[in-house]
Structure formats: C-alpha cells, structure tokens
C-alpha cells in the first residue's frame, strides 16, 4: 500500500470516530419523536423518548392526550431545554 493511500485511510478512520461525537454535541436544534404517556397539567406532559419518560412542557396550543405522537425539540441540542413543538398527524 503506498503512502498516499495509507494517509487517506487513516484520515477516513479518524473522521469516522470524531464526526459522530462532534455532531451529537453540536449546538443546533434537534427534533425527535416522542409519545405522550401522561398529562401532568399546566401544559406539561410525560413524554417517552427512546425508552425514557421526560417531563416536557408544550409550547403549542394543541389538545394532547395519552398515546399521541409528538415532536419534541431540543434547542441548541440541549435536552434539558426540551419542549413539545408539534403533534404528529397520522
């Protein structure tokens, strides 16, 4: 294997390790799907996302009920600032 190919291969392998970690923590809004599992009142809901239930406020004027699928936004990829941003219509 010549030196140029070896260098390209090494760079590619390094990028495959570094980029996913960088993207996961990048400061951009991230939106995921969740499901309402509990109505906590005052526009707050128990929302299950990836098997974990989070208390999540709703910033949209929608009627949400247990079983609804919702969009949850993490501003600047910060899960502690999450909020319900919409309802998925089937």
Protein backbone atom coordinates (compact mmCIF):
# COMPACT_ATOMS: atom_id res chain seq x y z
CA UNK A 1 0.00 0.00 0.00
CA UNK A 2 1.51 3.33 -0.99
CA UNK A 3 1.85 6.22 1.45
CA UNK A 4 -0.96 8.35 -0.05
CA UNK A 5 -3.47 5.52 0.27
CA UNK A 6 -2.35 4.82 3.83
CA UNK A 7 -2.76 8.51 4.77
CA UNK A 8 -6.25 8.68 3.20
CA UNK A 9 -7.29 5.51 5.02
CA UNK A 10 -6.01 6.84 8.35
CA UNK A 11 -7.80 10.16 7.89
CA UNK A 12 -11.05 8.39 6.96
CA UNK A 13 -10.86 6.13 10.03
CA UNK A 14 -10.20 9.15 12.29
CA UNK A 15 -13.17 11.03 10.82
CA UNK A 16 -15.47 8.06 11.44
CA UNK A 17 -14.56 8.22 15.14
CA UNK A 18 -14.56 12.00 15.59
CA UNK A 19 -17.53 13.18 13.49
CA UNK A 20 -20.38 11.27 15.17
CA UNK A 21 -19.33 12.56 18.60
CA UNK A 22 -19.00 16.10 17.27
CA UNK A 23 -22.37 16.03 15.53
CA UNK A 24 -24.14 14.61 18.61
CA UNK A 25 -22.96 17.57 20.71
CA UNK A 26 -23.20 20.28 18.04
CA UNK A 27 -25.21 23.38 19.07
CA UNK A 28 -28.12 23.16 16.64
CA UNK A 29 -31.79 22.44 17.28
CA UNK A 30 -32.67 18.77 17.27
CA UNK A 31 -36.22 17.43 16.92
CA UNK A 32 -37.24 13.89 17.81
CA UNK A 33 -40.49 11.92 18.04
CA UNK A 34 -41.96 11.04 21.41
CA UNK A 35 -45.24 9.70 22.77
CA UNK A 36 -47.47 11.22 25.44
CA UNK A 37 -47.73 8.82 28.39
CA UNK A 38 -49.16 11.20 30.99
CA UNK A 39 -50.94 14.56 31.21
CA UNK A 40 -49.34 16.43 34.15
CA UNK A 41 -51.49 19.56 33.80
CA UNK A 42 -50.39 23.16 33.16
CA UNK A 43 -49.30 22.24 29.60
CA UNK A 44 -46.77 19.67 30.88
CA UNK A 45 -46.71 16.06 29.79
CA UNK A 46 -44.84 12.86 30.45
CA UNK A 47 -43.25 12.06 27.09
CA UNK A 48 -41.41 8.83 26.36
CA UNK A 49 -38.38 9.20 24.08
CA UNK A 50 -36.06 6.27 23.44
CA UNK A 51 -37.48 4.37 26.41
CA UNK A 52 -37.09 7.23 28.93
CA UNK A 53 -40.00 9.32 30.25
CA UNK A 54 -39.33 13.07 30.47
CA UNK A 55 -41.48 15.83 31.94
CA UNK A 56 -41.88 18.09 28.94
CA UNK A 57 -43.71 21.41 28.53
CA UNK A 58 -45.82 22.09 25.46
CA UNK A 59 -45.36 25.44 23.71
CA UNK A 60 -48.09 24.81 21.15
CA UNK A 61 -51.81 25.39 21.52
CA UNK A 62 -52.93 21.82 20.89
CA UNK A 63 -55.08 19.31 22.70
CA UNK A 64 -52.78 16.42 23.53
CA UNK A 65 -53.87 13.10 25.01
CA UNK A 66 -52.11 9.96 26.19
CA UNK A 67 -50.99 8.00 23.16
CA UNK A 68 -50.41 11.00 20.88
CA UNK A 69 -47.13 11.09 18.99
CA UNK A 70 -45.45 14.48 19.31
CA UNK A 71 -42.40 16.31 18.05
CA UNK A 72 -40.01 17.32 20.82
CA UNK A 73 -37.38 19.97 20.11
CA UNK A 74 -34.06 20.33 21.93
CA UNK A 75 -32.92 23.96 21.40
CA UNK A 76 -29.22 24.02 20.55
CA UNK A 77 -29.15 20.25 21.19
CA UNK A 78 -29.72 20.80 24.95
CA UNK A 79 -32.13 18.13 26.15
CA UNK A 80 -32.72 19.93 29.45
CA UNK A 81 -34.43 22.76 27.47
CA UNK A 82 -36.74 20.39 25.54
CA UNK A 83 -40.32 21.27 24.66
CA UNK A 84 -43.19 19.84 22.64
CA UNK A 85 -43.21 21.67 19.32
CA UNK A 86 -45.94 19.83 17.44
CA UNK A 87 -48.19 16.83 17.09
CA UNK A 88 -47.69 14.09 14.52
CA UNK A 89 -50.84 13.62 12.47
CA UNK A 90 -51.33 10.07 11.23
